[in-house]
Amino acid sequence: MNLVRRNRNEVMDPVGELDRIRREIDQLFDPEHNFFSDGIFDREYSPSMDVVENEDAFLVSVDLPGVDQKDIDVSVADNVLTVKGEKKNKEEEKDKQGKVYRRECWEGSFQRTLSLPQGVDADKIDATMNDGVLSITLPKREDAKPRQISVKVK
C-alpha cells in the first residue's frame, strides 16, 4: 500500500474562503482602511499587482508574464477597476517539452479588482503592455491634485 501525502494548499478551503470574505466585508466598513484593498473576486492564484501614487496619478503595475495582450480586458465601472484575462499554455508546447516533473507556472483565467479613490479621472485612464507587465495610469482630476498656495506677508 502506498501512502499519498496531500498538500492542503492545493485544495480549496471553503471555511478559509468564508473567513477571507468576512475580513473583506469588515474592511469595507472600516473608515481608516486603504482604498486599494483586494477585491472580493480576487483569488490566491492571481497575478501580483503594485499601486504607486505620485502627484498627478496612481500607477498600477500587474505582472502578466506569458499572457497575450489580446487575452487581457481592462474596464472601469462604478469606480472599480477590473483587470481580467486568461493565461494559456499551448498543448503542443507541453508535448514537445517531454516528461514534466514539476510545473509551478500558473495558467487559467484570472481577475483582479481595485476600488478607485474619488479623485481619479476615469475618462483618461490609460493601459499599456510591455515585457509582460501591464501598466495602468489612473490620472487624478485637477481638483484632486495638491496645490501650492503662496502666502503673502504684509
Protein backbone atom coordinates (compact mmCIF):
# COMPACT_ATOMS: atom_id res chain seq x y z
CA MET A 1 0.00 0.00 0.00
CA ASN A 2 1.33 3.44 -0.95
CA LEU A 3 0.79 6.49 1.19
CA VAL A 4 -0.06 9.68 -0.68
CA ARG A 5 0.62 12.98 1.01
CA ARG A 6 -1.88 15.73 0.24
CA ASN A 7 -0.86 19.34 0.10
CA ARG A 8 -3.58 21.37 1.82
CA ASN A 9 -2.70 24.46 -0.27
CA GLU A 10 -3.89 22.79 -3.47
CA VAL A 11 -7.39 22.05 -2.15
CA MET A 12 -9.91 24.88 -1.89
CA ASP A 13 -10.80 25.52 1.73
CA PRO A 14 -14.45 26.68 1.96
CA VAL A 15 -14.09 27.82 5.58
CA GLY A 16 -10.97 29.80 4.69
CA GLU A 17 -12.77 31.43 1.76
CA LEU A 18 -15.69 32.46 4.01
CA ASP A 19 -13.23 33.89 6.53
CA ARG A 20 -11.49 35.85 3.75
CA ILE A 21 -14.84 37.27 2.55
CA ARG A 22 -15.78 38.23 6.14
CA ARG A 23 -12.48 40.12 6.52
CA GLU A 24 -13.09 41.95 3.22
CA ILE A 25 -16.61 42.96 4.29
CA ASP A 26 -15.22 44.19 7.63
CA GLN A 27 -12.70 46.29 5.70
CA LEU A 28 -15.50 47.91 3.67
CA PHE A 29 -16.90 49.47 6.84
CA ASP A 30 -13.54 50.43 8.34
CA PRO A 31 -13.11 54.22 7.83
CA GLU A 32 -9.32 54.02 8.14
CA HIS A 33 -8.96 51.23 5.59
CA ASN A 34 -6.88 51.88 2.48
CA PHE A 35 -8.78 52.49 -0.78
CA PHE A 36 -6.64 49.96 -2.60
CA SER A 37 -7.91 46.79 -0.99
CA ASP A 38 -8.03 43.36 -2.54
CA GLY A 39 -11.21 42.77 -4.47
CA ILE A 40 -13.82 40.29 -3.36
CA PHE A 41 -13.40 38.27 -6.58
CA ASP A 42 -9.60 38.06 -6.42
CA ARG A 43 -8.14 34.63 -5.81
CA GLU A 44 -4.91 33.25 -4.39
CA TYR A 45 -3.54 32.43 -7.85
CA SER A 46 -4.00 35.89 -9.30
CA PRO A 47 -1.15 37.90 -10.82
CA SER A 48 0.63 40.30 -8.48
CA MET A 49 -0.29 43.99 -8.55
CA ASP A 50 1.55 47.12 -7.36
CA VAL A 51 -0.08 50.53 -6.84
CA VAL A 52 2.02 53.69 -6.55
CA GLU A 53 0.78 57.27 -6.12
CA ASN A 54 2.55 60.36 -7.42
CA GLU A 55 1.37 63.98 -7.71
CA ASP A 56 -0.50 63.50 -10.99
CA ALA A 57 -1.73 59.91 -11.00
CA PHE A 58 -1.93 56.46 -9.49
CA LEU A 59 0.24 53.92 -11.31
CA VAL A 60 -0.85 50.29 -11.31
CA SER A 61 1.53 47.53 -12.47
CA VAL A 62 0.28 43.98 -12.99
CA ASP A 63 2.75 41.15 -13.64
CA LEU A 64 1.40 39.07 -16.53
CA PRO A 65 4.32 37.04 -17.92
CA GLY A 66 3.25 34.79 -20.76
CA VAL A 67 -0.17 36.42 -21.14
CA ASP A 68 -1.03 37.65 -24.61
CA GLN A 69 -2.24 41.25 -24.84
CA LYS A 70 -5.40 40.20 -26.69
CA ASP A 71 -6.37 37.98 -23.74
CA ILE A 72 -6.48 40.91 -21.28
CA ASP A 73 -9.54 43.07 -20.55
CA VAL A 74 -9.27 46.29 -18.50
CA SER A 75 -12.51 48.02 -17.53
CA VAL A 76 -13.81 50.65 -15.11
CA ALA A 77 -17.37 50.58 -13.79
CA ASP A 78 -18.84 52.23 -10.69
CA ASN A 79 -15.42 53.44 -9.53
CA VAL A 80 -13.93 49.91 -9.65
CA LEU A 81 -11.02 48.97 -11.93
CA THR A 82 -11.17 45.37 -13.18
CA VAL A 83 -8.33 43.54 -14.90
CA LYS A 84 -9.26 40.11 -16.18
CA GLY A 85 -7.92 37.70 -18.69
CA GLU A 86 -6.53 34.26 -19.30
CA LYS A 87 -3.07 32.76 -19.47
CA LYS A 88 -3.00 29.93 -21.96
CA ASN A 89 -0.30 27.29 -22.25
CA LYS A 90 -0.40 25.66 -25.63
CA GLU A 91 -0.83 21.89 -25.53
CA GLU A 92 1.63 21.30 -28.39
CA GLU A 93 4.35 23.08 -26.39
CA LYS A 94 3.69 20.79 -23.41
CA ASP A 95 4.02 17.71 -25.63
CA LYS A 96 7.36 18.91 -27.04
CA GLN A 97 8.84 19.57 -23.61
CA GLY A 98 8.84 15.92 -22.58
CA LYS A 99 8.02 14.43 -19.22
CA VAL A 100 7.11 17.15 -16.68
CA TYR A 101 8.34 16.64 -13.11
CA ARG A 102 7.31 19.98 -11.69
CA ARG A 103 5.10 22.77 -13.03
CA GLU A 104 4.98 25.95 -10.94
CA CYS A 105 3.88 28.40 -13.62
CA TRP A 106 0.21 29.19 -13.29
CA GLU A 107 -2.30 29.04 -16.11
CA GLY A 108 -6.01 29.73 -16.46
CA SER A 109 -8.32 32.69 -16.08
CA PHE A 110 -7.77 35.48 -13.56
CA GLN A 111 -9.48 38.62 -12.32
CA ARG A 112 -8.20 41.46 -10.13
CA THR A 113 -10.40 44.30 -8.90
CA LEU A 114 -9.37 47.58 -7.36
CA SER A 115 -11.59 50.20 -5.73
CA LEU A 116 -10.64 53.64 -7.02
CA PRO A 117 -10.43 56.70 -4.78
CA GLN A 118 -12.74 59.61 -5.54
CA GLY A 119 -10.05 61.76 -7.20
CA VAL A 120 -9.43 59.51 -10.24
CA ASP A 121 -10.46 60.77 -13.68
CA ALA A 122 -11.98 57.58 -15.14
CA ASP A 123 -12.24 59.06 -18.65
CA LYS A 124 -8.45 59.44 -19.01
CA ILE A 125 -7.27 56.01 -17.80
CA ASP A 126 -4.51 54.56 -19.98
CA ALA A 127 -3.15 51.00 -20.14
CA THR A 128 -0.04 49.67 -21.91
CA MET A 129 1.60 46.24 -22.01
CA ASN A 130 5.39 45.93 -22.15
CA ASP A 131 7.60 42.88 -21.42
CA GLY A 132 4.86 41.01 -19.56
CA VAL A 133 3.91 43.96 -17.33
CA LEU A 134 0.56 45.68 -17.71
CA SER A 135 0.92 49.36 -16.72
CA ILE A 136 -2.27 51.28 -15.97
CA THR A 137 -2.20 55.04 -15.37
CA LEU A 138 -5.08 56.41 -13.34
CA PRO A 139 -4.78 60.22 -13.65
CA LYS A 140 -6.09 62.44 -10.88
CA ARG A 141 -8.72 65.07 -11.59
CA GLU A 142 -7.41 68.62 -11.45
CA ASP A 143 -9.45 69.43 -8.35
CA ALA A 144 -7.95 66.41 -6.54
CA LYS A 145 -4.31 67.33 -7.19
CA PRO A 146 -2.38 69.03 -4.41
CA ARG A 147 -1.92 72.77 -4.96
CA GLN A 148 0.77 75.10 -3.76
CA ILE A 149 -0.65 78.25 -2.19
CA SER A 150 1.68 81.15 -1.67
CA VAL A 151 1.35 83.18 1.49
CA LYS A 152 1.86 86.92 1.19
CA VAL A 153 3.15 88.78 4.21
CA LYS A 154 2.08 92.41 4.70
